[in-house]
Protein backbone atom coordinates (compact mmCIF):
# COMPACT_ATOMS: atom_id res chain seq x y z
CA ALA A 1 0.00 0.00 0.00
CA GLY A 2 1.19 3.50 -0.68
CA LEU A 3 -0.06 5.25 2.47
CA VAL A 4 -1.50 3.48 5.52
CA THR A 5 -3.32 5.22 8.36
CA LEU A 6 -4.61 3.42 11.45
CA TRP A 7 -7.59 5.18 13.03
CA VAL A 8 -7.97 4.50 16.76
CA LYS A 9 -9.84 5.80 19.78
CA ALA A 10 -8.10 7.84 22.46
CA ASP A 11 -7.81 4.99 24.95
CA ALA A 12 -5.73 2.92 22.50
CA TYR A 13 -3.75 5.67 20.80
CA GLU A 14 -0.58 5.76 22.91
CA LEU A 15 -0.23 1.97 23.02
CA LEU A 16 -0.71 1.46 19.29
CA ALA A 17 1.28 4.51 18.19
CA ALA A 18 4.27 3.13 20.08
CA ARG A 19 3.97 -0.35 18.57
CA MET A 20 3.25 0.42 14.93
CA PRO A 21 5.96 0.21 12.25
CA PRO A 22 7.19 3.68 11.27
CA GLU A 23 5.48 3.33 7.87
CA VAL A 24 2.03 3.29 9.52
CA MET A 25 0.56 6.59 10.63
CA VAL A 26 -1.67 6.38 13.70
CA ARG A 27 -4.43 8.95 14.04
CA GLN A 28 -6.75 9.53 16.99
CA VAL A 29 -10.45 9.83 16.24
CA SER A 30 -13.35 10.60 18.56
CA ASP A 31 -15.89 8.97 16.22
CA TYR A 32 -15.08 6.37 13.56
CA ARG A 33 -17.56 8.05 11.25
CA GLU A 34 -15.05 10.86 10.79
CA VAL A 35 -13.29 8.71 8.19
CA LEU A 36 -16.33 9.18 5.94
CA ASP A 37 -15.29 12.81 5.44
CA LEU A 38 -11.82 11.85 4.18
CA ARG A 39 -10.55 10.50 0.89
CA TRP A 40 -9.18 6.97 0.80
CA ASP A 41 -8.74 4.32 -1.87
CA ALA A 42 -9.79 1.46 0.41
CA LEU A 43 -10.67 0.65 4.01
CA ALA A 44 -10.01 -2.35 6.24
CA ILE A 45 -12.49 -2.68 9.10
CA GLY A 46 -12.62 -5.15 11.95
CA PRO A 47 -9.46 -6.74 13.40
CA GLY A 48 -9.06 -5.80 17.06
CA LEU A 49 -11.98 -3.38 16.85
CA GLY A 50 -14.04 -4.54 19.83
CA PHE A 51 -17.75 -3.94 20.32
CA GLU A 52 -18.01 -0.61 22.14
CA HIS A 53 -18.76 1.54 19.11
CA GLU A 54 -21.00 -0.65 16.97
CA THR A 55 -23.25 2.14 15.67
CA GLU A 56 -20.25 4.04 14.33
CA VAL A 57 -18.68 0.97 12.74
CA LEU A 58 -21.88 -0.19 11.06
CA GLU A 59 -22.45 3.27 9.61
CA VAL A 60 -18.93 3.30 8.14
CA ILE A 61 -19.57 -0.12 6.57
CA GLU A 62 -22.78 1.19 5.07
CA LYS A 63 -21.78 4.69 3.95
CA ALA A 64 -18.12 4.46 2.94
CA PRO A 65 -18.08 5.11 -0.83
CA VAL A 66 -14.80 3.25 -1.35
CA PRO A 67 -14.30 -0.54 -1.34
CA ALA A 68 -13.77 -2.01 2.12
CA VAL A 69 -12.54 -5.29 3.57
CA VAL A 70 -14.82 -6.33 6.45
CA ASP A 71 -13.40 -8.87 8.89
CA ALA A 72 -13.32 -10.09 12.48
CA ASP A 73 -15.27 -7.97 15.00
CA ALA A 74 -16.94 -6.01 12.20
CA LEU A 75 -18.43 -9.24 10.84
CA THR A 76 -19.76 -10.13 14.27
CA GLN A 77 -21.36 -6.69 14.52
CA LEU A 78 -22.99 -7.18 11.11
CA ALA A 79 -24.39 -10.53 12.21
CA LYS A 80 -26.10 -8.86 15.19
CA VAL A 81 -28.12 -6.63 12.88
CA GLN A 82 -28.69 -9.36 10.29
CA SER A 83 -26.19 -7.71 7.92
CA ALA A 84 -28.61 -4.92 6.96
CA PRO A 85 -25.84 -2.34 6.33
CA LEU A 86 -24.45 -4.55 3.56
CA LEU A 87 -27.69 -4.29 1.62
CA ARG A 88 -27.45 -0.50 1.71
CA ALA A 89 -23.68 -0.21 1.30
CA LEU A 90 -22.48 2.55 -1.02
CA GLY A 91 -19.29 0.71 -1.95
CA THR A 92 -18.25 -2.86 -2.69
CA ARG A 93 -17.37 -4.94 0.35
CA LEU A 94 -15.07 -7.94 0.72
CA LEU A 95 -16.26 -10.19 3.54
CA THR A 96 -13.52 -12.46 4.93
CA PRO A 97 -15.15 -14.73 7.55
CA HIS A 98 -13.71 -17.83 9.12
CA PRO A 99 -16.22 -20.70 9.54
CA GLY A 100 -17.49 -19.45 12.91
CA GLU A 101 -18.08 -15.94 11.59
CA MET A 102 -19.81 -17.34 8.52
CA ALA A 103 -22.15 -19.33 10.76
CA ARG A 104 -23.08 -16.14 12.60
CA LEU A 105 -23.66 -14.23 9.36
CA LEU A 106 -25.92 -16.91 7.90
CA GLN A 107 -27.45 -18.04 11.23
CA ASP A 108 -27.31 -21.72 10.24
CA THR A 109 -24.58 -23.53 8.30
CA LYS A 110 -24.60 -26.97 9.97
CA THR A 111 -26.08 -28.78 6.97
CA LEU A 112 -24.26 -26.79 4.28
CA SER A 113 -20.96 -27.53 2.59
CA ARG A 114 -18.39 -24.74 2.42
CA ARG A 115 -19.32 -24.10 -1.19
CA GLU A 116 -23.03 -23.95 -0.34
CA GLN A 117 -22.30 -21.49 2.45
CA VAL A 118 -20.50 -19.15 0.07
CA GLU A 119 -23.25 -19.45 -2.53
CA MET A 120 -25.86 -18.60 0.10
CA ALA A 121 -23.81 -15.61 1.25
CA LEU A 122 -23.67 -14.30 -2.33
CA ARG A 123 -27.43 -14.51 -2.59
CA ARG A 124 -27.91 -12.69 0.71
CA PHE A 125 -25.26 -10.02 0.04
CA PRO A 126 -25.55 -9.30 -3.68
CA GLY A 127 -22.86 -7.18 -5.25
CA HIS A 128 -20.24 -8.04 -2.66
CA THR A 129 -17.37 -10.56 -2.59
CA VAL A 130 -17.11 -13.40 -0.06
CA LEU A 131 -13.87 -15.07 1.02
CA LEU A 132 -14.43 -18.05 3.31
CA LYS A 133 -11.18 -18.80 5.10
CA GLY A 134 -10.00 -22.30 5.94
CA ALA A 135 -8.42 -25.25 4.17
CA ARG A 136 -8.84 -24.42 0.48
CA THR A 137 -10.12 -20.90 0.94
CA ILE A 138 -13.10 -20.10 -1.31
CA ILE A 139 -13.45 -16.74 -3.05
CA ALA A 140 -16.73 -15.92 -4.78
CA SER A 141 -18.41 -12.95 -6.45
CA GLU A 142 -21.20 -12.41 -8.95
CA SER A 143 -18.77 -11.08 -11.56
CA GLU A 144 -15.99 -13.67 -11.25
CA GLY A 145 -17.79 -16.78 -10.04
CA LEU A 146 -16.28 -19.16 -7.49
CA HIS A 147 -12.59 -19.99 -7.01
CA TYR A 148 -10.51 -22.03 -4.61
CA ASN A 149 -7.08 -21.03 -3.33
CA THR A 150 -4.54 -23.85 -3.29
CA THR A 151 -1.64 -22.27 -1.37
CA GLY A 152 -0.99 -22.48 2.36
CA HIS A 153 -0.71 -25.20 5.01
CA PRO A 154 -2.28 -26.16 8.39
CA GLY A 155 0.26 -24.03 10.26
CA MET A 156 -1.74 -20.98 9.21
CA ALA A 157 -4.55 -21.92 11.59
CA THR A 158 -3.42 -19.49 14.27
CA GLY A 159 -4.68 -16.21 15.63
CA GLY A 160 -3.78 -13.13 13.61
CA MET A 161 -3.32 -14.89 10.27
CA GLY A 162 -6.65 -13.56 8.99
CA ASP A 163 -5.65 -10.04 10.01
CA VAL A 164 -2.66 -10.30 7.67
CA LEU A 165 -4.99 -11.33 4.85
CA THR A 166 -7.24 -8.36 5.58
CA GLY A 167 -4.33 -5.95 5.28
CA VAL A 168 -2.98 -7.52 2.12
CA CYS A 169 -6.37 -7.47 0.40
CA ALA A 170 -6.97 -3.86 1.40
CA ALA A 171 -3.54 -2.89 0.06
CA LEU A 172 -4.22 -4.59 -3.26
CA ILE A 173 -7.61 -2.88 -3.56
CA GLY A 174 -5.89 0.41 -2.79
CA GLN A 175 -3.54 -0.21 -5.72
CA GLY A 176 -6.52 -0.43 -8.05
CA LEU A 177 -7.31 -4.14 -8.24
CA SER A 178 -10.96 -5.12 -8.34
CA VAL A 179 -12.28 -6.52 -5.08
CA PRO A 180 -12.62 -10.13 -6.36
CA HIS A 181 -9.12 -10.08 -7.88
CA ALA A 182 -7.62 -8.60 -4.71
CA ALA A 183 -9.28 -11.36 -2.69
CA GLY A 184 -7.88 -14.08 -4.91
CA ILE A 185 -4.37 -12.68 -5.18
CA GLY A 186 -4.26 -11.76 -1.49
CA SER A 187 -5.28 -15.26 -0.48
CA TRP A 188 -2.71 -16.80 -2.81
CA MET A 189 0.06 -14.50 -1.59
CA CYS A 190 -0.52 -15.16 2.10
CA GLY A 191 -0.64 -18.91 1.51
CA ARG A 192 2.47 -18.84 -0.68
CA ALA A 193 4.35 -16.76 1.89
CA ALA A 194 3.45 -19.34 4.54
CA GLU A 195 4.73 -22.11 2.27
CA ARG A 196 8.04 -20.27 1.95
CA VAL A 197 8.26 -20.05 5.74
CA ALA A 198 7.85 -23.84 5.89
CA LEU A 199 10.94 -24.29 3.72
CA THR A 200 13.17 -23.28 6.64
CA GLN A 201 11.18 -24.25 9.74
CA ALA A 202 8.32 -26.50 10.83
CA ALA A 203 5.05 -25.45 9.24
CA GLU A 204 3.33 -25.81 12.62
CA SER A 205 5.46 -22.97 14.05
CA THR A 206 4.43 -20.43 11.39
CA LEU A 207 3.42 -17.08 12.86
CA PRO A 208 1.55 -14.21 11.18
CA SER A 209 4.71 -12.13 11.44
CA ASP A 210 6.60 -14.86 9.55
CA VAL A 211 4.06 -14.62 6.74
CA ILE A 212 4.44 -10.84 6.61
CA ALA A 213 8.22 -11.23 6.36
CA HIS A 214 7.84 -13.49 3.30
CA LEU A 215 5.15 -11.55 1.45
CA GLY A 216 7.76 -9.80 -0.69
CA GLN A 217 9.06 -13.14 -1.95
CA ALA A 218 5.56 -14.34 -2.75
CA TRP A 219 4.82 -11.10 -4.60
CA ALA A 220 8.04 -11.39 -6.62
CA GLU A 221 7.10 -14.95 -7.59
CA LEU A 222 3.68 -13.74 -8.71
CA MET A 223 5.24 -10.94 -10.76
CA ARG A 224 7.61 -13.37 -12.48
CA SER A 225 4.64 -15.54 -13.42
CA GLY A 226 3.08 -12.64 -15.31
CA VAL A 227 -0.18 -12.84 -13.34
CA ALA A 228 0.18 -9.51 -11.51
């Protein structure tokens, strides 16, 4: 991504400003809806967000005119209101649920295969893209159909790995990729980076930070293939 800004509330500002890489600007905001008055290429909403400001978050999901990746706590907040903001959303959204979050969004997935879950989500959230995380991640949209990602390994089943995917997809959207293409390439890149980690250490010990450290190699491999 060219320019990254992390918007946080006052109670988290000092902690996060001290921990962020120098490339990430941290800005304090009294109301998350303030971002609606600013110009961005893409938004990423959800990881580490909490549930204290749900009205603000849901309004950003609904009214942001730019594409947005919606993940983690933001998905749980959507499920509480039966995903109504998605139906009124002004911009395209990329939903990146893990199986538990998908179950909350759809209310009942016990009798559905992963593919059937994604197909149901597309019917309920028309115009948006769905990325169901897990073994053989599924990416689906009305414009591009349904695709499976084949990269990655079981060592990626650890907390924080989905947050990396959210950031990568948002960065790709910010560079001008369509939301479905960003979802597919982002999923492939994160999985491929994890595979590169497993070349030098046990796959089971892979951390999200290891994947981040190998994203550049995965990107270079993609560029050499002529895909990106």
